[in-house]
Amino acid sequence: SSSPLLQHPTVDLKLQMILIGDRNVGKTCFLERYTDDLFREESKSTVGIDFRIKTVTVGGRRIRLQIWDTAGQERFNSITTAYYRNARGILLLYDVTNPESYRNITKWMKLIEEYGRSDVEVAIVGNKADLENVQVNTHKARNFAENCGFIFYETSAKASLNVDTVFVNLIYKILKQIPQPHERNPQIRRKTMTSQALCEDANAKRSYKCC
């Protein structure tokens, strides 16, 4: 028989995730911190799309993550949006020191609506939170995300702040939609992501410009 060291543990579930957001918000560094626990001060811009693999155990289930890292430039949108439809989770990053990258969240949300799954789970991530010149209000960003039903965290790939936490919480939200193998006739609540319903709170329906 083969050595136990050569046997791969059983994987209960395979999930695809994708990182999106403007260029230079730190998507590649964020992903490398999560998958390899490293940080490089100088990181080349992603050309088109790249991916990394990580196996984790969440909620008692062993999960193989395939995480796609996308280029932030519009000229690559035709390539990157092809990967939206298979993603169960999307992490939408902005740079807390760059207000334009935060304002552009609405642009990225429209791409999610157009190309993503109807039941996709989304996390809005304010990256580079270790820097002092923060220019995006945390309370405002959190309220926006929560009104949309999204997870929100401020993170730092450099300081390893909240990076693992974002992924774990996003995975938990995804798992709530996926039945355990022993469950029968699961009732999976599907969310429809329309421009009217996406950012709805108790008082009013909001458009994508609600940030």
C-alpha atoms as a PDB file:
ATOM      1  CA  SER A   1       0.000   0.000   0.000  1.00  0.00           C
ATOM      2  CA  SER A   2       1.095   3.561  -0.618  1.00  0.00           C
ATOM      3  CA  SER A   3       2.446   5.772   2.114  1.00  0.00           C
ATOM      4  CA  PRO A   4      -0.174   7.917   3.898  1.00  0.00           C
ATOM      5  CA  LEU A   5       1.994  10.907   3.044  1.00  0.00           C
ATOM      6  CA  LEU A   6       1.310  10.304  -0.639  1.00  0.00           C
ATOM      7  CA  GLN A   7      -2.440  10.013  -0.240  1.00  0.00           C
ATOM      8  CA  HIS A   8      -4.433  13.180  -0.782  1.00  0.00           C
ATOM      9  CA  PRO A   9      -7.144  13.782   1.820  1.00  0.00           C
ATOM     10  CA  THR A  10     -10.652  13.537   0.494  1.00  0.00           C
ATOM     11  CA  VAL A  11     -12.104  16.804  -0.739  1.00  0.00           C
ATOM     12  CA  ASP A  12     -15.803  17.230   0.043  1.00  0.00           C
ATOM     13  CA  LEU A  13     -16.379  20.214  -2.194  1.00  0.00           C
ATOM     14  CA  LYS A  14     -14.723  22.268  -4.912  1.00  0.00           C
ATOM     15  CA  LEU A  15     -15.447  25.993  -5.066  1.00  0.00           C
ATOM     16  CA  GLN A  16     -14.374  28.681  -7.486  1.00  0.00           C
ATOM     17  CA  MET A  17     -13.879  32.260  -6.361  1.00  0.00           C
ATOM     18  CA  ILE A  18     -12.749  35.352  -8.203  1.00  0.00           C
ATOM     19  CA  LEU A  19     -11.043  38.591  -7.148  1.00  0.00           C
ATOM     20  CA  ILE A  20     -12.122  41.736  -8.975  1.00  0.00           C
ATOM     21  CA  GLY A  21     -11.563  45.471  -8.612  1.00  0.00           C
ATOM     22  CA  ASP A  22      -9.547  48.320 -10.080  1.00  0.00           C
ATOM     23  CA  ARG A  23      -5.871  47.919 -10.894  1.00  0.00           C
ATOM     24  CA  ASN A  24      -3.395  48.529  -8.075  1.00  0.00           C
ATOM     25  CA  VAL A  25      -5.860  47.810  -5.260  1.00  0.00           C
ATOM     26  CA  GLY A  26      -3.670  44.879  -4.205  1.00  0.00           C
ATOM     27  CA  LYS A  27      -5.582  41.852  -5.488  1.00  0.00           C
ATOM     28  CA  THR A  28      -2.499  39.752  -6.253  1.00  0.00           C
ATOM     29  CA  CYS A  29      -0.809  40.571  -2.931  1.00  0.00           C
ATOM     30  CA  PHE A  30      -4.079  39.843  -1.121  1.00  0.00           C
ATOM     31  CA  LEU A  31      -4.345  36.441  -2.786  1.00  0.00           C
ATOM     32  CA  GLU A  32      -0.690  35.554  -2.217  1.00  0.00           C
ATOM     33  CA  ARG A  33      -1.066  36.389   1.460  1.00  0.00           C
ATOM     34  CA  TYR A  34      -4.015  34.005   1.674  1.00  0.00           C
ATOM     35  CA  THR A  35      -2.644  31.086  -0.325  1.00  0.00           C
ATOM     36  CA  ASP A  36       1.092  31.321   0.432  1.00  0.00           C
ATOM     37  CA  ASP A  37       1.257  33.604   3.494  1.00  0.00           C
ATOM     38  CA  LEU A  38       3.729  35.908   1.798  1.00  0.00           C
ATOM     39  CA  PHE A  39       3.845  39.562   0.827  1.00  0.00           C
ATOM     40  CA  ARG A  40       5.953  41.158  -1.877  1.00  0.00           C
ATOM     41  CA  GLU A  41       6.403  44.928  -1.914  1.00  0.00           C
ATOM     42  CA  GLU A  42       6.837  44.866  -5.678  1.00  0.00           C
ATOM     43  CA  SER A  43       4.157  42.896  -7.480  1.00  0.00           C
ATOM     44  CA  LYS A  44       3.611  42.897 -11.220  1.00  0.00           C
ATOM     45  CA  SER A  45       0.172  43.770 -12.560  1.00  0.00           C
ATOM     46  CA  THR A  46      -1.847  40.729 -13.548  1.00  0.00           C
ATOM     47  CA  VAL A  47      -2.191  40.327 -17.306  1.00  0.00           C
ATOM     48  CA  GLY A  48      -5.592  38.860 -18.098  1.00  0.00           C
ATOM     49  CA  ILE A  49      -6.181  36.263 -15.400  1.00  0.00           C
ATOM     50  CA  ASP A  50      -4.259  33.973 -13.059  1.00  0.00           C
ATOM     51  CA  PHE A  51      -5.327  31.528 -10.378  1.00  0.00           C
ATOM     52  CA  ARG A  52      -4.204  29.785  -7.220  1.00  0.00           C
ATOM     53  CA  ILE A  53      -5.362  26.692  -5.355  1.00  0.00           C
ATOM     54  CA  LYS A  54      -5.877  26.307  -1.610  1.00  0.00           C
ATOM     55  CA  THR A  55      -7.492  23.495   0.364  1.00  0.00           C
ATOM     56  CA  VAL A  56      -9.205  24.469   3.611  1.00  0.00           C
ATOM     57  CA  THR A  57     -11.568  22.961   6.167  1.00  0.00           C
ATOM     58  CA  VAL A  58     -14.595  25.107   6.986  1.00  0.00           C
ATOM     59  CA  GLY A  59     -17.699  23.970   8.824  1.00  0.00           C
ATOM     60  CA  GLY A  60     -16.365  20.440   8.983  1.00  0.00           C
ATOM     61  CA  ARG A  61     -16.087  20.189   5.202  1.00  0.00           C
ATOM     62  CA  ARG A  62     -12.808  19.940   3.318  1.00  0.00           C
ATOM     63  CA  ILE A  63     -12.934  22.391   0.438  1.00  0.00           C
ATOM     64  CA  ARG A  64     -10.649  22.855  -2.544  1.00  0.00           C
ATOM     65  CA  LEU A  65     -10.663  26.503  -3.581  1.00  0.00           C
ATOM     66  CA  GLN A  66      -9.732  27.638  -7.053  1.00  0.00           C
ATOM     67  CA  ILE A  67      -9.294  31.395  -6.772  1.00  0.00           C
ATOM     68  CA  TRP A  68      -9.007  33.516  -9.908  1.00  0.00           C
ATOM     69  CA  ASP A  69      -7.000  36.742  -9.810  1.00  0.00           C
ATOM     70  CA  THR A  70      -8.112  39.176 -12.506  1.00  0.00           C
ATOM     71  CA  ALA A  71      -6.605  42.202 -14.188  1.00  0.00           C
ATOM     72  CA  GLY A  72      -8.254  45.486 -13.248  1.00  0.00           C
ATOM     73  CA  GLN A  73      -7.926  47.180 -16.635  1.00  0.00           C
ATOM     74  CA  GLU A  74     -11.057  47.433 -18.769  1.00  0.00           C
ATOM     75  CA  ARG A  75      -9.232  46.074 -21.818  1.00  0.00           C
ATOM     76  CA  PHE A  76      -9.185  42.662 -20.120  1.00  0.00           C
ATOM     77  CA  ASN A  77     -12.897  42.620 -19.220  1.00  0.00           C
ATOM     78  CA  SER A  78     -13.837  40.406 -22.152  1.00  0.00           C
ATOM     79  CA  ILE A  79     -11.432  37.785 -20.793  1.00  0.00           C
ATOM     80  CA  THR A  80     -12.134  38.082 -17.088  1.00  0.00           C
ATOM     81  CA  THR A  81     -15.929  38.261 -17.195  1.00  0.00           C
ATOM     82  CA  ALA A  82     -15.988  34.778 -18.735  1.00  0.00           C
ATOM     83  CA  TYR A  83     -14.934  33.465 -15.317  1.00  0.00           C
ATOM     84  CA  TYR A  84     -17.731  35.175 -13.359  1.00  0.00           C
ATOM     85  CA  ARG A  85     -20.415  32.602 -14.176  1.00  0.00           C
ATOM     86  CA  ASN A  86     -18.606  29.730 -12.449  1.00  0.00           C
ATOM     87  CA  ALA A  87     -17.683  31.650  -9.305  1.00  0.00           C
ATOM     88  CA  ARG A  88     -19.660  30.872  -6.154  1.00  0.00           C
ATOM     89  CA  GLY A  89     -17.907  33.733  -4.362  1.00  0.00           C
ATOM     90  CA  ILE A  90     -16.623  37.111  -5.540  1.00  0.00           C
ATOM     91  CA  LEU A  91     -14.260  39.350  -3.598  1.00  0.00           C
ATOM     92  CA  LEU A  92     -14.539  42.946  -4.798  1.00  0.00           C
ATOM     93  CA  LEU A  93     -11.501  44.896  -3.641  1.00  0.00           C
ATOM     94  CA  TYR A  94     -10.863  48.616  -3.403  1.00  0.00           C
ATOM     95  CA  ASP A  95      -7.949  50.598  -1.986  1.00  0.00           C
ATOM     96  CA  VAL A  96      -8.881  52.514   1.193  1.00  0.00           C
ATOM     97  CA  THR A  97      -6.430  55.265   0.174  1.00  0.00           C
ATOM     98  CA  ASN A  98      -7.969  55.645  -3.294  1.00  0.00           C
ATOM     99  CA  PRO A  99     -11.552  57.005  -3.331  1.00  0.00           C
ATOM    100  CA  GLU A 100     -11.901  56.404  -7.069  1.00  0.00           C
ATOM    101  CA  SER A 101     -11.364  52.675  -6.592  1.00  0.00           C
ATOM    102  CA  TYR A 102     -14.220  52.749  -4.065  1.00  0.00           C
ATOM    103  CA  ARG A 103     -16.535  54.726  -6.338  1.00  0.00           C
ATOM    104  CA  ASN A 104     -15.868  52.202  -9.102  1.00  0.00           C
ATOM    105  CA  ILE A 105     -17.413  49.441  -6.979  1.00  0.00           C
ATOM    106  CA  THR A 106     -20.710  50.188  -8.722  1.00  0.00           C
ATOM    107  CA  LYS A 107     -19.110  49.511 -12.106  1.00  0.00           C
ATOM    108  CA  TRP A 108     -17.872  46.134 -10.916  1.00  0.00           C
ATOM    109  CA  MET A 109     -21.255  45.305  -9.408  1.00  0.00           C
ATOM    110  CA  LYS A 110     -22.889  45.807 -12.779  1.00  0.00           C
ATOM    111  CA  LEU A 111     -20.488  43.245 -14.242  1.00  0.00           C
ATOM    112  CA  ILE A 112     -21.420  40.826 -11.453  1.00  0.00           C
ATOM    113  CA  GLU A 113     -25.090  41.346 -12.240  1.00  0.00           C
ATOM    114  CA  GLU A 114     -24.545  40.810 -15.946  1.00  0.00           C
ATOM    115  CA  TYR A 115     -22.124  37.883 -15.899  1.00  0.00           C
ATOM    116  CA  GLY A 116     -22.309  36.295 -12.435  1.00  0.00           C
ATOM    117  CA  ARG A 117     -24.488  33.578 -10.966  1.00  0.00           C
ATOM    118  CA  SER A 118     -27.805  34.637  -9.470  1.00  0.00           C
ATOM    119  CA  ASP A 119     -26.806  33.066  -6.137  1.00  0.00           C
ATOM    120  CA  VAL A 120     -23.244  34.370  -5.985  1.00  0.00           C
ATOM    121  CA  GLU A 121     -21.995  35.574  -2.605  1.00  0.00           C
ATOM    122  CA  VAL A 122     -20.001  38.809  -2.574  1.00  0.00           C
ATOM    123  CA  ALA A 123     -17.497  40.339  -0.166  1.00  0.00           C
ATOM    124  CA  ILE A 124     -16.504  43.993  -0.433  1.00  0.00           C
ATOM    125  CA  VAL A 125     -12.922  44.368   0.745  1.00  0.00           C
ATOM    126  CA  GLY A 126     -11.204  47.633   1.618  1.00  0.00           C
ATOM    127  CA  ASN A 127      -7.537  46.721   1.184  1.00  0.00           C
ATOM    128  CA  LYS A 128      -4.325  48.482   2.322  1.00  0.00           C
ATOM    129  CA  ALA A 129      -5.833  49.291   5.725  1.00  0.00           C
ATOM    130  CA  ASP A 130      -2.330  49.415   7.239  1.00  0.00           C
ATOM    131  CA  LEU A 131      -1.662  52.747   5.494  1.00  0.00           C
ATOM    132  CA  GLU A 132      -2.224  56.035   7.310  1.00  0.00           C
ATOM    133  CA  ASN A 133      -3.743  58.117   4.521  1.00  0.00           C
ATOM    134  CA  VAL A 134      -7.132  56.369   4.518  1.00  0.00           C
ATOM    135  CA  GLN A 135      -9.576  58.332   2.349  1.00  0.00           C
ATOM    136  CA  VAL A 136     -12.634  56.059   2.271  1.00  0.00           C
ATOM    137  CA  ASN A 137     -14.957  56.242   5.273  1.00  0.00           C
ATOM    138  CA  THR A 138     -15.179  52.813   6.900  1.00  0.00           C
ATOM    139  CA  HIS A 139     -18.691  53.321   8.303  1.00  0.00           C
ATOM    140  CA  LYS A 140     -20.023  54.458   4.930  1.00  0.00           C
ATOM    141  CA  ALA A 141     -18.438  51.519   3.108  1.00  0.00           C
ATOM    142  CA  ARG A 142     -19.705  49.016   5.683  1.00  0.00           C
ATOM    143  CA  ASN A 143     -23.262  50.366   5.490  1.00  0.00           C
ATOM    144  CA  PHE A 144     -23.202  50.177   1.710  1.00  0.00           C
ATOM    145  CA  ALA A 145     -22.030  46.563   1.749  1.00  0.00           C
ATOM    146  CA  GLU A 146     -24.534  45.514   4.407  1.00  0.00           C
ATOM    147  CA  ASN A 147     -27.423  47.188   2.561  1.00  0.00           C
ATOM    148  CA  CYS A 148     -26.457  45.064  -0.423  1.00  0.00           C
ATOM    149  CA  GLY A 149     -26.319  41.897   1.675  1.00  0.00           C
ATOM    150  CA  PHE A 150     -22.562  41.625   1.216  1.00  0.00           C
ATOM    151  CA  ILE A 151     -19.766  40.791   3.628  1.00  0.00           C
ATOM    152  CA  PHE A 152     -17.479  43.739   4.422  1.00  0.00           C
ATOM    153  CA  TYR A 153     -13.961  43.855   5.831  1.00  0.00           C
ATOM    154  CA  GLU A 154     -11.037  46.209   5.756  1.00  0.00           C
ATOM    155  CA  THR A 155      -7.866  44.234   5.193  1.00  0.00           C
ATOM    156  CA  SER A 156      -4.126  44.512   4.795  1.00  0.00           C
ATOM    157  CA  ALA A 157      -2.183  41.985   2.773  1.00  0.00           C
ATOM    158  CA  LYS A 158       1.034  43.510   4.100  1.00  0.00           C
ATOM    159  CA  ALA A 159       0.044  43.259   7.773  1.00  0.00           C
ATOM    160  CA  SER A 160      -1.941  40.036   7.262  1.00  0.00           C
ATOM    161  CA  LEU A 161      -5.056  41.741   8.637  1.00  0.00           C
ATOM    162  CA  ASN A 162      -8.440  40.027   8.128  1.00  0.00           C
ATOM    163  CA  VAL A 163      -7.342  38.238   4.947  1.00  0.00           C
ATOM    164  CA  ASP A 164      -8.161  34.732   6.194  1.00  0.00           C
ATOM    165  CA  THR A 165     -11.276  36.060   7.934  1.00  0.00           C
ATOM    166  CA  VAL A 166     -12.798  37.359   4.703  1.00  0.00           C
ATOM    167  CA  PHE A 167     -12.385  34.031   2.953  1.00  0.00           C
ATOM    168  CA  VAL A 168     -13.702  31.976   5.881  1.00  0.00           C
ATOM    169  CA  ASN A 169     -16.828  34.105   6.245  1.00  0.00           C
ATOM    170  CA  LEU A 170     -17.465  34.106   2.506  1.00  0.00           C
ATOM    171  CA  ILE A 171     -17.120  30.321   2.418  1.00  0.00           C
ATOM    172  CA  TYR A 172     -19.588  29.984   5.299  1.00  0.00           C
ATOM    173  CA  LYS A 173     -22.145  32.047   3.366  1.00  0.00           C
ATOM    174  CA  ILE A 174     -21.665  29.874   0.294  1.00  0.00           C
ATOM    175  CA  LEU A 175     -22.005  26.669   2.332  1.00  0.00           C
ATOM    176  CA  LYS A 176     -25.404  27.799   3.597  1.00  0.00           C
ATOM    177  CA  GLN A 177     -26.636  27.448   0.001  1.00  0.00           C
ATOM    178  CA  ILE A 178     -25.078  24.033  -0.582  1.00  0.00           C
ATOM    179  CA  PRO A 179     -26.745  21.047   1.093  1.00  0.00           C
ATOM    180  CA  GLN A 180     -24.783  18.530   3.108  1.00  0.00           C
ATOM    181  CA  PRO A 181     -24.593  15.161   1.322  1.00  0.00           C
ATOM    182  CA  HIS A 182     -27.120  13.606   3.739  1.00  0.00           C
ATOM    183  CA  GLU A 183     -29.744  16.306   3.223  1.00  0.00           C
ATOM    184  CA  ARG A 184     -32.686  15.486   1.001  1.00  0.00           C
ATOM    185  CA  ASN A 185     -34.797  17.852  -1.066  1.00  0.00           C
ATOM    186  CA  PRO A 186     -32.826  20.905   0.022  1.00  0.00           C
ATOM    187  CA  GLN A 187     -34.531  24.242  -0.288  1.00  0.00           C
ATOM    188  CA  ILE A 188     -31.821  26.474  -1.695  1.00  0.00           C
ATOM    189  CA  ARG A 189     -32.669  30.126  -1.589  1.00  0.00           C
ATOM    190  CA  ARG A 190     -31.543  31.757  -4.802  1.00  0.00           C
ATOM    191  CA  LYS A 191     -30.928  35.450  -4.899  1.00  0.00           C
ATOM    192  CA  THR A 192     -31.734  37.498  -7.930  1.00  0.00           C
ATOM    193  CA  MET A 193     -29.297  40.284  -8.528  1.00  0.00           C
ATOM    194  CA  THR A 194     -31.156  43.050 -10.283  1.00  0.00           C
ATOM    195  CA  SER A 195     -30.192  46.681 -10.218  1.00  0.00           C
ATOM    196  CA  GLN A 196     -33.338  47.380  -8.191  1.00  0.00           C
ATOM    197  CA  ALA A 197     -33.125  44.515  -5.694  1.00  0.00           C
ATOM    198  CA  LEU A 198     -29.383  44.289  -5.175  1.00  0.00           C
ATOM    199  CA  CYS A 199     -29.015  47.174  -2.752  1.00  0.00           C
ATOM    200  CA  GLU A 200     -32.368  47.071  -1.000  1.00  0.00           C
ATOM    201  CA  ASP A 201     -32.867  48.037   2.625  1.00  0.00           C
ATOM    202  CA  ALA A 202     -35.984  48.285   4.764  1.00  0.00           C
ATOM    203  CA  ASN A 203     -36.944  51.761   3.598  1.00  0.00           C
ATOM    204  CA  ALA A 204     -36.086  52.144  -0.048  1.00  0.00           C
ATOM    205  CA  LYS A 205     -34.812  50.415  -3.130  1.00  0.00           C
ATOM    206  CA  ARG A 206     -31.378  51.611  -4.083  1.00  0.00           C
ATOM    207  CA  SER A 207     -29.621  51.642  -7.410  1.00  0.00           C
ATOM    208  CA  TYR A 208     -25.987  50.756  -7.990  1.00  0.00           C
ATOM    209  CA  LYS A 209     -25.106  54.357  -7.248  1.00  0.00           C
ATOM    210  CA  CYS A 210     -26.029  53.935  -3.583  1.00  0.00           C
ATOM    211  CA  CYS A 211     -22.415  54.321  -2.505  1.00  0.00           C
END
